[in-house]
PDB file of N, CA and C in Angstrom:
ATOM      1  N   UNK A   1     129.588  33.886  66.465  1.00  0.00           N
ATOM      2  CA  UNK A   1     129.382  35.045  66.601  1.00  0.00           C
ATOM      3  C   UNK A   1     130.885  36.345  67.053  1.00  0.00           C
ATOM      4  N   UNK A   2     131.164  37.070  66.185  1.00  0.00           N
ATOM      5  CA  UNK A   2     132.496  37.632  67.884  1.00  0.00           C
ATOM      6  C   UNK A   2     132.208  39.089  68.582  1.00  0.00           C
ATOM      7  N   UNK A   3     132.339  38.982  69.814  1.00  0.00           N
ATOM      8  CA  UNK A   3     131.777  39.773  71.044  1.00  0.00           C
ATOM      9  C   UNK A   3     132.934  40.305  70.920  1.00  0.00           C
ATOM     10  N   UNK A   4     133.275  42.233  70.787  1.00  0.00           N
ATOM     11  CA  UNK A   4     134.246  42.652  71.188  1.00  0.00           C
ATOM     12  C   UNK A   4     134.207  43.324  72.674  1.00  0.00           C
ATOM     13  N   UNK A   5     135.278  43.487  73.192  1.00  0.00           N
ATOM     14  CA  UNK A   5     135.365  43.698  74.124  1.00  0.00           C
ATOM     15  C   UNK A   5     134.942  45.484  74.057  1.00  0.00           C
ATOM     16  N   UNK A   6     134.219  46.461  74.986  1.00  0.00           N
ATOM     17  CA  UNK A   6     133.846  47.534  74.906  1.00  0.00           C
ATOM     18  C   UNK A   6     134.702  48.090  76.354  1.00  0.00           C
ATOM     19  N   UNK A   7     135.731  49.939  75.563  1.00  0.00           N
ATOM     20  CA  UNK A   7     136.208  49.867  76.772  1.00  0.00           C
ATOM     21  C   UNK A   7     134.890  51.063  77.575  1.00  0.00           C
ATOM     22  N   UNK A   8     135.443  51.522  79.048  1.00  0.00           N
ATOM     23  CA  UNK A   8     134.631  52.015  79.872  1.00  0.00           C
ATOM     24  C   UNK A   8     134.180  53.796  78.973  1.00  0.00           C
ATOM     25  N   UNK A   9     134.750  54.160  78.066  1.00  0.00           N
ATOM     26  CA  UNK A   9     135.060  55.143  77.662  1.00  0.00           C
ATOM     27  C   UNK A   9     133.727  55.245  76.347  1.00  0.00           C
ATOM     28  N   UNK A  10     133.486  54.160  75.409  1.00  0.00           N
ATOM     29  CA  UNK A  10     132.971  53.546  74.650  1.00  0.00           C
ATOM     30  C   UNK A  10     131.929  53.759  74.778  1.00  0.00           C
ATOM     31  N   UNK A  11     131.437  53.089  75.451  1.00  0.00           N
ATOM     32  CA  UNK A  11     129.904  52.161  76.963  1.00  0.00           C
ATOM     33  C   UNK A  11     129.814  53.535  77.031  1.00  0.00           C
ATOM     34  N   UNK A  12     130.334  54.762  77.376  1.00  0.00           N
ATOM     35  CA  UNK A  12     129.301  55.915  78.516  1.00  0.00           C
ATOM     36  C   UNK A  12     128.903  56.651  77.089  1.00  0.00           C
ATOM     37  N   UNK A  13     129.635  56.896  76.237  1.00  0.00           N
ATOM     38  CA  UNK A  13     129.555  57.679  74.256  1.00  0.00           C
ATOM     39  C   UNK A  13     128.419  56.505  74.257  1.00  0.00           C
ATOM     40  N   UNK A  14     128.097  55.174  74.118  1.00  0.00           N
ATOM     41  CA  UNK A  14     127.051  54.843  73.545  1.00  0.00           C
ATOM     42  C   UNK A  14     125.256  54.982  74.899  1.00  0.00           C
ATOM     43  N   UNK A  15     125.675  55.269  75.436  1.00  0.00           N
ATOM     44  CA  UNK A  15     124.811  55.439  76.511  1.00  0.00           C
ATOM     45  C   UNK A  15     124.445  56.824  76.017  1.00  0.00           C
ATOM     46  N   UNK A  16     125.469  57.650  76.107  1.00  0.00           N
ATOM     47  CA  UNK A  16     124.851  59.018  76.261  1.00  0.00           C
ATOM     48  C   UNK A  16     124.235  59.513  74.827  1.00  0.00           C
ATOM     49  N   UNK A  17     125.031  58.813  74.284  1.00  0.00           N
ATOM     50  CA  UNK A  17     124.519  59.497  72.468  1.00  0.00           C
ATOM     51  C   UNK A  17     123.156  58.563  71.502  1.00  0.00           C
ATOM     52  N   UNK A  18     123.298  57.536  72.238  1.00  0.00           N
ATOM     53  CA  UNK A  18     122.419  56.649  71.153  1.00  0.00           C
ATOM     54  C   UNK A  18     120.903  57.021  71.804  1.00  0.00           C
ATOM     55  N   UNK A  19     119.781  57.541  71.653  1.00  0.00           N
ATOM     56  CA  UNK A  19     118.832  57.740  72.242  1.00  0.00           C
ATOM     57  C   UNK A  19     118.188  56.485  72.342  1.00  0.00           C
ATOM     58  N   UNK A  20     117.227  56.472  73.622  1.00  0.00           N
ATOM     59  CA  UNK A  20     116.317  55.333  74.731  1.00  0.00           C
ATOM     60  C   UNK A  20     117.573  54.079  75.254  1.00  0.00           C
ATOM     61  N   UNK A  21     119.180  54.618  74.946  1.00  0.00           N
ATOM     62  CA  UNK A  21     119.934  53.068  75.727  1.00  0.00           C
ATOM     63  C   UNK A  21     120.638  53.772  76.842  1.00  0.00           C
ATOM     64  N   UNK A  22     120.027  54.405  77.221  1.00  0.00           N
ATOM     65  CA  UNK A  22     120.790  55.514  78.392  1.00  0.00           C
ATOM     66  C   UNK A  22     120.842  54.291  80.099  1.00  0.00           C
ATOM     67  N   UNK A  23     119.873  53.275  79.885  1.00  0.00           N
ATOM     68  CA  UNK A  23     120.392  52.581  80.947  1.00  0.00           C
ATOM     69  C   UNK A  23     120.099  51.080  80.617  1.00  0.00           C
ATOM     70  N   UNK A  24     120.196  50.568  79.530  1.00  0.00           N
ATOM     71  CA  UNK A  24     121.557  49.779  78.854  1.00  0.00           C
ATOM     72  C   UNK A  24     122.443  49.210  79.578  1.00  0.00           C
ATOM     73  N   UNK A  25     122.095  47.668  79.834  1.00  0.00           N
ATOM     74  CA  UNK A  25     122.977  47.214  80.384  1.00  0.00           C
ATOM     75  C   UNK A  25     124.318  47.258  79.704  1.00  0.00           C
ATOM     76  N   UNK A  26     125.315  46.628  80.576  1.00  0.00           N
ATOM     77  CA  UNK A  26     126.450  46.558  79.660  1.00  0.00           C
ATOM     78  C   UNK A  26     127.428  45.519  79.026  1.00  0.00           C
ATOM     79  N   UNK A  27     126.303  44.271  79.078  1.00  0.00           N
ATOM     80  CA  UNK A  27     126.675  43.025  78.113  1.00  0.00           C
ATOM     81  C   UNK A  27     126.035  42.964  76.755  1.00  0.00           C
ATOM     82  N   UNK A  28     124.629  43.720  77.143  1.00  0.00           N
ATOM     83  CA  UNK A  28     123.045  44.170  76.225  1.00  0.00           C
ATOM     84  C   UNK A  28     124.303  46.029  74.570  1.00  0.00           C
ATOM     85  N   UNK A  29     124.330  46.109  75.692  1.00  0.00           N
ATOM     86  CA  UNK A  29     125.768  47.221  75.280  1.00  0.00           C
ATOM     87  C   UNK A  29     126.875  46.881  74.068  1.00  0.00           C
ATOM     88  N   UNK A  30     127.350  45.962  74.542  1.00  0.00           N
ATOM     89  CA  UNK A  30     128.863  44.960  73.992  1.00  0.00           C
ATOM     90  C   UNK A  30     127.858  44.593  73.143  1.00  0.00           C
ATOM     91  N   UNK A  31     127.096  43.554  73.366  1.00  0.00           N
ATOM     92  CA  UNK A  31     126.177  42.586  71.961  1.00  0.00           C
ATOM     93  C   UNK A  31     125.571  44.175  71.039  1.00  0.00           C
ATOM     94  N   UNK A  32     124.979  45.068  71.090  1.00  0.00           N
ATOM     95  CA  UNK A  32     124.585  45.294  69.782  1.00  0.00           C
ATOM     96  C   UNK A  32     125.291  46.518  69.446  1.00  0.00           C
ATOM     97  N   UNK A  33     126.706  46.475  69.919  1.00  0.00           N
ATOM     98  CA  UNK A  33     127.863  46.861  69.522  1.00  0.00           C
ATOM     99  C   UNK A  33     128.488  46.362  68.230  1.00  0.00           C
ATOM    100  N   UNK A  34     128.880  44.853  68.847  1.00  0.00           N
ATOM    101  CA  UNK A  34     129.514  43.902  68.541  1.00  0.00           C
ATOM    102  C   UNK A  34     128.651  43.124  66.873  1.00  0.00           C
ATOM    103  N   UNK A  35     127.445  43.297  67.124  1.00  0.00           N
ATOM    104  CA  UNK A  35     126.012  43.213  66.015  1.00  0.00           C
ATOM    105  C   UNK A  35     126.378  44.277  64.870  1.00  0.00           C
ATOM    106  N   UNK A  36     126.158  44.995  65.499  1.00  0.00           N
ATOM    107  CA  UNK A  36     126.604  46.457  64.398  1.00  0.00           C
ATOM    108  C   UNK A  36     128.147  46.384  63.432  1.00  0.00           C
ATOM    109  N   UNK A  37     128.935  46.037  64.059  1.00  0.00           N
ATOM    110  CA  UNK A  37     129.473  45.435  63.823  1.00  0.00           C
ATOM    111  C   UNK A  37     129.827  44.598  62.124  1.00  0.00           C
ATOM    112  N   UNK A  38     128.880  43.259  62.364  1.00  0.00           N
ATOM    113  CA  UNK A  38     129.387  41.988  61.167  1.00  0.00           C
ATOM    114  C   UNK A  38     128.004  42.588  60.821  1.00  0.00           C
ATOM    115  N   UNK A  39     127.090  43.555  60.553  1.00  0.00           N
ATOM    116  CA  UNK A  39     125.983  44.484  59.885  1.00  0.00           C
ATOM    117  C   UNK A  39     127.220  44.295  58.894  1.00  0.00           C
ATOM    118  N   UNK A  40     128.253  46.024  59.269  1.00  0.00           N
ATOM    119  CA  UNK A  40     128.653  47.013  58.270  1.00  0.00           C
ATOM    120  C   UNK A  40     129.430  45.526  57.396  1.00  0.00           C
ATOM    121  N   UNK A  41     130.142  45.157  57.860  1.00  0.00           N
ATOM    122  CA  UNK A  41     131.202  43.581  57.281  1.00  0.00           C
ATOM    123  C   UNK A  41     130.792  43.146  56.774  1.00  0.00           C
ATOM    124  N   UNK A  42     129.749  42.506  56.850  1.00  0.00           N
ATOM    125  CA  UNK A  42     128.953  41.877  55.457  1.00  0.00           C
ATOM    126  C   UNK A  42     128.319  42.470  55.236  1.00  0.00           C
ATOM    127  N   UNK A  43     127.233  43.934  55.225  1.00  0.00           N
ATOM    128  CA  UNK A  43     126.636  44.400  53.998  1.00  0.00           C
ATOM    129  C   UNK A  43     126.939  45.229  54.146  1.00  0.00           C
ATOM    130  N   UNK A  44     127.992  45.649  53.793  1.00  0.00           N
ATOM    131  CA  UNK A  44     128.489  47.281  53.656  1.00  0.00           C
ATOM    132  C   UNK A  44     129.738  47.343  53.693  1.00  0.00           C
ATOM    133  N   UNK A  45     130.629  46.833  53.164  1.00  0.00           N
ATOM    134  CA  UNK A  45     132.297  46.831  53.649  1.00  0.00           C
ATOM    135  C   UNK A  45     133.111  48.248  53.118  1.00  0.00           C
ATOM    136  N   UNK A  46     132.081  48.906  52.552  1.00  0.00           N
ATOM    137  CA  UNK A  46     132.785  50.435  51.710  1.00  0.00           C
ATOM    138  C   UNK A  46     132.908  51.186  52.702  1.00  0.00           C
ATOM    139  N   UNK A  47     131.996  51.025  54.289  1.00  0.00           N
ATOM    140  CA  UNK A  47     132.215  51.350  54.431  1.00  0.00           C
ATOM    141  C   UNK A  47     132.894  51.517  55.920  1.00  0.00           C
ATOM    142  N   UNK A  48     133.653  50.831  56.034  1.00  0.00           N
ATOM    143  CA  UNK A  48     134.415  50.170  56.913  1.00  0.00           C
ATOM    144  C   UNK A  48     135.898  51.039  56.619  1.00  0.00           C
ATOM    145  N   UNK A  49     136.496  51.904  57.995  1.00  0.00           N
ATOM    146  CA  UNK A  49     137.637  52.278  56.896  1.00  0.00           C
ATOM    147  C   UNK A  49     138.926  52.190  57.995  1.00  0.00           C
ATOM    148  N   UNK A  50     139.779  52.057  57.461  1.00  0.00           N
ATOM    149  CA  UNK A  50     141.123  51.188  58.272  1.00  0.00           C
ATOM    150  C   UNK A  50     142.208  52.536  58.670  1.00  0.00           C
ATOM    151  N   UNK A  51     143.108  52.056  59.159  1.00  0.00           N
ATOM    152  CA  UNK A  51     144.108  53.667  59.486  1.00  0.00           C
ATOM    153  C   UNK A  51     144.965  52.813  60.776  1.00  0.00           C
ATOM    154  N   UNK A  52     146.388  53.250  60.806  1.00  0.00           N
ATOM    155  CA  UNK A  52     147.826  52.644  60.937  1.00  0.00           C
ATOM    156  C   UNK A  52     146.789  51.657  62.331  1.00  0.00           C
ATOM    157  N   UNK A  53     146.281  52.213  63.233  1.00  0.00           N
ATOM    158  CA  UNK A  53     145.765  51.447  64.756  1.00  0.00           C
ATOM    159  C   UNK A  53     144.622  51.278  64.562  1.00  0.00           C
ATOM    160  N   UNK A  54     143.576  51.990  63.985  1.00  0.00           N
ATOM    161  CA  UNK A  54     142.291  51.967  63.983  1.00  0.00           C
ATOM    162  C   UNK A  54     141.405  51.770  62.225  1.00  0.00           C
ATOM    163  N   UNK A  55     140.304  50.612  63.286  1.00  0.00           N
ATOM    164  CA  UNK A  55     138.898  50.084  62.156  1.00  0.00           C
ATOM    165  C   UNK A  55     137.969  51.239  62.574  1.00  0.00           C
ATOM    166  N   UNK A  56     137.255  51.962  61.343  1.00  0.00           N
ATOM    167  CA  UNK A  56     135.802  52.305  62.272  1.00  0.00           C
ATOM    168  C   UNK A  56     135.169  51.736  61.342  1.00  0.00           C
ATOM    169  N   UNK A  57     133.686  51.256  62.025  1.00  0.00           N
ATOM    170  CA  UNK A  57     132.938  50.770  61.293  1.00  0.00           C
ATOM    171  C   UNK A  57     132.119  51.895  60.982  1.00  0.00           C
ATOM    172  N   UNK A  58     131.477  52.219  60.274  1.00  0.00           N
ATOM    173  CA  UNK A  58     130.157  53.323  60.204  1.00  0.00           C
ATOM    174  C   UNK A  58     128.712  52.499  59.749  1.00  0.00           C
ATOM    175  N   UNK A  59     128.670  52.311  61.023  1.00  0.00           N
ATOM    176  CA  UNK A  59     127.018  52.049  60.847  1.00  0.00           C
ATOM    177  C   UNK A  59     125.638  53.022  60.707  1.00  0.00           C
ATOM    178  N   UNK A  60     125.232  53.337  59.470  1.00  0.00           N
ATOM    179  CA  UNK A  60     124.658  54.393  59.791  1.00  0.00           C
ATOM    180  C   UNK A  60     125.029  55.949  60.152  1.00  0.00           C
ATOM    181  N   UNK A  61     124.209  56.452  61.214  1.00  0.00           N
ATOM    182  CA  UNK A  61     125.831  57.465  61.463  1.00  0.00           C
ATOM    183  C   UNK A  61     126.583  57.403  62.732  1.00  0.00           C
ATOM    184  N   UNK A  62     126.333  56.504  63.373  1.00  0.00           N
ATOM    185  CA  UNK A  62     127.144  55.930  64.183  1.00  0.00           C
ATOM    186  C   UNK A  62     128.289  55.076  64.136  1.00  0.00           C
ATOM    187  N   UNK A  63     129.285  56.193  64.302  1.00  0.00           N
ATOM    188  CA  UNK A  63     131.334  55.572  64.177  1.00  0.00           C
ATOM    189  C   UNK A  63     131.431  54.348  65.325  1.00  0.00           C
ATOM    190  N   UNK A  64     131.606  53.387  65.051  1.00  0.00           N
ATOM    191  CA  UNK A  64     131.913  52.902  65.757  1.00  0.00           C
ATOM    192  C   UNK A  64     134.035  52.731  65.252  1.00  0.00           C
ATOM    193  N   UNK A  65     134.952  52.534  66.226  1.00  0.00           N
ATOM    194  CA  UNK A  65     136.462  52.744  66.302  1.00  0.00           C
ATOM    195  C   UNK A  65     136.584  51.463  66.684  1.00  0.00           C
ATOM    196  N   UNK A  66     137.686  50.257  66.711  1.00  0.00           N
ATOM    197  CA  UNK A  66     138.229  49.613  67.112  1.00  0.00           C
ATOM    198  C   UNK A  66     139.656  49.261  67.224  1.00  0.00           C
ATOM    199  N   UNK A  67     140.544  48.983  67.981  1.00  0.00           N
ATOM    200  CA  UNK A  67     141.746  48.627  68.129  1.00  0.00           C
ATOM    201  C   UNK A  67     142.160  47.721  68.205  1.00  0.00           C
ATOM    202  N   UNK A  68     142.900  47.256  68.266  1.00  0.00           N
ATOM    203  CA  UNK A  68     143.335  45.645  68.166  1.00  0.00           C
ATOM    204  C   UNK A  68     142.151  44.757  68.421  1.00  0.00           C
ATOM    205  N   UNK A  69     140.923  44.352  68.036  1.00  0.00           N
ATOM    206  CA  UNK A  69     139.896  44.359  68.689  1.00  0.00           C
ATOM    207  C   UNK A  69     138.786  44.832  69.606  1.00  0.00           C
ATOM    208  N   UNK A  70     139.290  45.322  70.171  1.00  0.00           N
ATOM    209  CA  UNK A  70     138.096  46.112  71.302  1.00  0.00           C
ATOM    210  C   UNK A  70     137.883  47.738  70.529  1.00  0.00           C
ATOM    211  N   UNK A  71     136.500  47.860  71.142  1.00  0.00           N
ATOM    212  CA  UNK A  71     135.848  48.921  70.605  1.00  0.00           C
ATOM    213  C   UNK A  71     136.559  50.291  71.831  1.00  0.00           C
ATOM    214  N   UNK A  72     136.955  51.104  70.996  1.00  0.00           N
ATOM    215  CA  UNK A  72     137.391  52.191  71.942  1.00  0.00           C
ATOM    216  C   UNK A  72     136.486  54.189  72.105  1.00  0.00           C
ATOM    217  N   UNK A  73     136.079  53.825  70.936  1.00  0.00           N
ATOM    218  CA  UNK A  73     135.215  54.666  70.953  1.00  0.00           C
ATOM    219  C   UNK A  73     134.193  54.666  70.288  1.00  0.00           C
ATOM    220  N   UNK A  74     133.101  55.448  69.927  1.00  0.00           N
ATOM    221  CA  UNK A  74     130.944  55.241  69.410  1.00  0.00           C
ATOM    222  C   UNK A  74     131.010  57.124  69.391  1.00  0.00           C
ATOM    223  N   UNK A  75     130.644  57.488  68.161  1.00  0.00           N
ATOM    224  CA  UNK A  75     130.641  58.477  67.635  1.00  0.00           C
ATOM    225  C   UNK A  75     129.253  58.744  66.806  1.00  0.00           C
ATOM    226  N   UNK A  76     128.327  59.174  67.773  1.00  0.00           N
ATOM    227  CA  UNK A  76     127.256  59.563  67.158  1.00  0.00           C
ATOM    228  C   UNK A  76     126.852  60.584  66.057  1.00  0.00           C
ATOM    229  N   UNK A  77     126.650  60.358  65.002  1.00  0.00           N
ATOM    230  CA  UNK A  77     126.683  61.900  63.492  1.00  0.00           C
ATOM    231  C   UNK A  77     125.314  61.905  63.875  1.00  0.00           C
ATOM    232  N   UNK A  78     124.576  62.938  65.316  1.00  0.00           N
ATOM    233  CA  UNK A  78     122.872  62.719  64.245  1.00  0.00           C
ATOM    234  C   UNK A  78     122.946  63.638  63.505  1.00  0.00           C
ATOM    235  N   UNK A  79     121.267  63.155  62.537  1.00  0.00           N
ATOM    236  CA  UNK A  79     121.558  64.516  62.047  1.00  0.00           C
ATOM    237  C   UNK A  79     121.764  64.408  60.345  1.00  0.00           C
ATOM    238  N   UNK A  80     123.031  64.035  60.117  1.00  0.00           N
ATOM    239  CA  UNK A  80     123.160  64.113  59.405  1.00  0.00           C
ATOM    240  C   UNK A  80     123.313  62.683  58.116  1.00  0.00           C
ATOM    241  N   UNK A  81     122.505  63.430  56.669  1.00  0.00           N
ATOM    242  CA  UNK A  81     121.824  62.541  56.647  1.00  0.00           C
ATOM    243  C   UNK A  81     123.207  61.178  56.282  1.00  0.00           C
ATOM    244  N   UNK A  82     123.139  59.657  55.393  1.00  0.00           N
ATOM    245  CA  UNK A  82     124.032  59.247  55.174  1.00  0.00           C
ATOM    246  C   UNK A  82     123.656  58.182  54.304  1.00  0.00           C
ATOM    247  N   UNK A  83     124.108  57.993  53.489  1.00  0.00           N
ATOM    248  CA  UNK A  83     123.937  56.759  52.133  1.00  0.00           C
ATOM    249  C   UNK A  83     124.277  55.326  53.257  1.00  0.00           C
ATOM    250  N   UNK A  84     123.058  54.929  53.197  1.00  0.00           N
ATOM    251  CA  UNK A  84     122.778  54.100  53.878  1.00  0.00           C
ATOM    252  C   UNK A  84     122.256  53.045  53.724  1.00  0.00           C
ATOM    253  N   UNK A  85     122.223  51.701  53.215  1.00  0.00           N
ATOM    254  CA  UNK A  85     120.775  50.989  53.269  1.00  0.00           C
ATOM    255  C   UNK A  85     120.498  49.956  54.670  1.00  0.00           C
ATOM    256  N   UNK A  86     119.698  49.776  55.050  1.00  0.00           N
ATOM    257  CA  UNK A  86     119.794  49.372  56.842  1.00  0.00           C
ATOM    258  C   UNK A  86     119.513  48.094  55.809  1.00  0.00           C
ATOM    259  N   UNK A  87     120.142  46.822  56.643  1.00  0.00           N
ATOM    260  CA  UNK A  87     119.585  45.311  56.589  1.00  0.00           C
ATOM    261  C   UNK A  87     118.506  44.888  57.622  1.00  0.00           C
ATOM    262  N   UNK A  88     117.196  45.559  57.140  1.00  0.00           N
ATOM    263  CA  UNK A  88     116.821  44.852  58.623  1.00  0.00           C
ATOM    264  C   UNK A  88     116.579  42.964  58.560  1.00  0.00           C
ATOM    265  N   UNK A  89     116.438  42.151  57.483  1.00  0.00           N
ATOM    266  CA  UNK A  89     116.474  40.984  57.550  1.00  0.00           C
ATOM    267  C   UNK A  89     117.907  40.833  58.480  1.00  0.00           C
ATOM    268  N   UNK A  90     118.835  40.711  57.621  1.00  0.00           N
ATOM    269  CA  UNK A  90     120.073  40.236  58.635  1.00  0.00           C
ATOM    270  C   UNK A  90     120.094  41.034  59.837  1.00  0.00           C
ATOM    271  N   UNK A  91     119.472  42.183  60.506  1.00  0.00           N
ATOM    272  CA  UNK A  91     119.539  42.455  62.312  1.00  0.00           C
ATOM    273  C   UNK A  91     118.581  41.934  62.868  1.00  0.00           C
ATOM    274  N   UNK A  92     117.928  41.765  62.720  1.00  0.00           N
ATOM    275  CA  UNK A  92     116.705  40.292  63.043  1.00  0.00           C
ATOM    276  C   UNK A  92     117.450  39.103  63.527  1.00  0.00           C
ATOM    277  N   UNK A  93     118.468  38.408  62.408  1.00  0.00           N
ATOM    278  CA  UNK A  93     118.785  36.637  62.052  1.00  0.00           C
ATOM    279  C   UNK A  93     119.822  37.371  63.295  1.00  0.00           C
ATOM    280  N   UNK A  94     120.562  38.679  63.842  1.00  0.00           N
ATOM    281  CA  UNK A  94     121.499  38.312  64.220  1.00  0.00           C
ATOM    282  C   UNK A  94     121.225  39.135  65.374  1.00  0.00           C
ATOM    283  N   UNK A  95     120.371  39.333  66.427  1.00  0.00           N
ATOM    284  CA  UNK A  95     120.075  39.709  66.984  1.00  0.00           C
ATOM    285  C   UNK A  95     119.568  38.529  68.223  1.00  0.00           C
ATOM    286  N   UNK A  96     118.857  37.805  67.660  1.00  0.00           N
ATOM    287  CA  UNK A  96     118.390  36.754  67.789  1.00  0.00           C
ATOM    288  C   UNK A  96     119.500  35.513  68.146  1.00  0.00           C
ATOM    289  N   UNK A  97     120.642  36.023  67.200  1.00  0.00           N
ATOM    290  CA  UNK A  97     121.731  34.959  67.307  1.00  0.00           C
ATOM    291  C   UNK A  97     122.634  35.259  68.674  1.00  0.00           C
ATOM    292  N   UNK A  98     122.383  36.674  68.444  1.00  0.00           N
ATOM    293  CA  UNK A  98     123.626  37.515  69.408  1.00  0.00           C
ATOM    294  C   UNK A  98     122.918  37.341  70.935  1.00  0.00           C
ATOM    295  N   UNK A  99     121.349  36.834  71.367  1.00  0.00           N
ATOM    296  CA  UNK A  99     120.286  36.756  72.389  1.00  0.00           C
ATOM    297  C   UNK A  99     120.389  38.662  72.766  1.00  0.00           C
ATOM    298  N   UNK A 100     119.864  39.234  71.527  1.00  0.00           N
ATOM    299  CA  UNK A 100     119.733  40.862  72.278  1.00  0.00           C
ATOM    300  C   UNK A 100     118.456  40.974  72.226  1.00  0.00           C
ATOM    301  N   UNK A 101     117.723  41.142  73.335  1.00  0.00           N
ATOM    302  CA  UNK A 101     116.680  42.180  74.041  1.00  0.00           C
ATOM    303  C   UNK A 101     116.000  42.456  73.668  1.00  0.00           C
ATOM    304  N   UNK A 102     115.883  43.590  72.796  1.00  0.00           N
ATOM    305  CA  UNK A 102     115.191  44.965  73.014  1.00  0.00           C
ATOM    306  C   UNK A 102     114.784  44.758  71.122  1.00  0.00           C
ATOM    307  N   UNK A 103     114.537  44.151  70.247  1.00  0.00           N
ATOM    308  CA  UNK A 103     114.869  43.956  68.766  1.00  0.00           C
ATOM    309  C   UNK A 103     113.612  44.895  68.365  1.00  0.00           C
ATOM    310  N   UNK A 104     113.371  46.091  66.997  1.00  0.00           N
ATOM    311  CA  UNK A 104     112.114  46.788  67.362  1.00  0.00           C
ATOM    312  C   UNK A 104     112.054  46.180  66.137  1.00  0.00           C
ATOM    313  N   UNK A 105     112.447  45.316  65.820  1.00  0.00           N
ATOM    314  CA  UNK A 105     111.230  45.224  64.283  1.00  0.00           C
ATOM    315  C   UNK A 105     110.497  43.865  64.420  1.00  0.00           C
ATOM    316  N   UNK A 106     111.074  42.770  66.329  1.00  0.00           N
ATOM    317  CA  UNK A 106     110.324  42.157  66.103  1.00  0.00           C
ATOM    318  C   UNK A 106     109.348  42.229  67.428  1.00  0.00           C
ATOM    319  N   UNK A 107     108.042  41.415  66.853  1.00  0.00           N
ATOM    320  CA  UNK A 107     107.205  41.554  68.391  1.00  0.00           C
ATOM    321  C   UNK A 107     107.002  40.910  69.860  1.00  0.00           C
ATOM    322  N   UNK A 108     106.389  41.749  70.284  1.00  0.00           N
ATOM    323  CA  UNK A 108     107.116  42.259  71.669  1.00  0.00           C
ATOM    324  C   UNK A 108     107.115  40.463  72.291  1.00  0.00           C
ATOM    325  N   UNK A 109     106.006  39.530  72.278  1.00  0.00           N
ATOM    326  CA  UNK A 109     105.953  38.501  72.117  1.00  0.00           C
ATOM    327  C   UNK A 109     107.261  37.831  72.141  1.00  0.00           C
ATOM    328  N   UNK A 110     107.672  37.857  70.758  1.00  0.00           N
ATOM    329  CA  UNK A 110     108.815  37.176  70.333  1.00  0.00           C
ATOM    330  C   UNK A 110     110.139  37.057  71.338  1.00  0.00           C
ATOM    331  N   UNK A 111     110.131  38.491  72.191  1.00  0.00           N
ATOM    332  CA  UNK A 111     111.472  39.276  72.933  1.00  0.00           C
ATOM    333  C   UNK A 111     111.642  38.157  74.258  1.00  0.00           C
ATOM    334  N   UNK A 112     110.464  37.839  74.421  1.00  0.00           N
ATOM    335  CA  UNK A 112     109.969  37.683  76.113  1.00  0.00           C
ATOM    336  C   UNK A 112     110.850  36.514  76.341  1.00  0.00           C
ATOM    337  N   UNK A 113     111.025  35.387  75.203  1.00  0.00           N
ATOM    338  CA  UNK A 113     111.534  33.929  75.248  1.00  0.00           C
ATOM    339  C   UNK A 113     113.043  34.255  75.818  1.00  0.00           C
TER     340      UNK A 113
END
């Protein structure tokens, strides 16, 4: 599983714009964004936008921009409807593989492992 580096700017953008993640640790933000990129790559490759030096992964309303394998920007387009089918089973699997602690789709007993 690839784990992306995250710039300070992208880290701050994520914490400020994604609900419930204001106090999420840097390591968990890195894992969550890496998971989101993997979901887009495998489940919705049509939602990947490539430009000269930047690749943007459109995970629902969250646009994650990478440059040379590093996450450089995170933009949350809240309130705009988006054509996105959320892959819940794969999301749960990747949470386990990446070791993400706060999965909203599993019971709290499982999250304590």
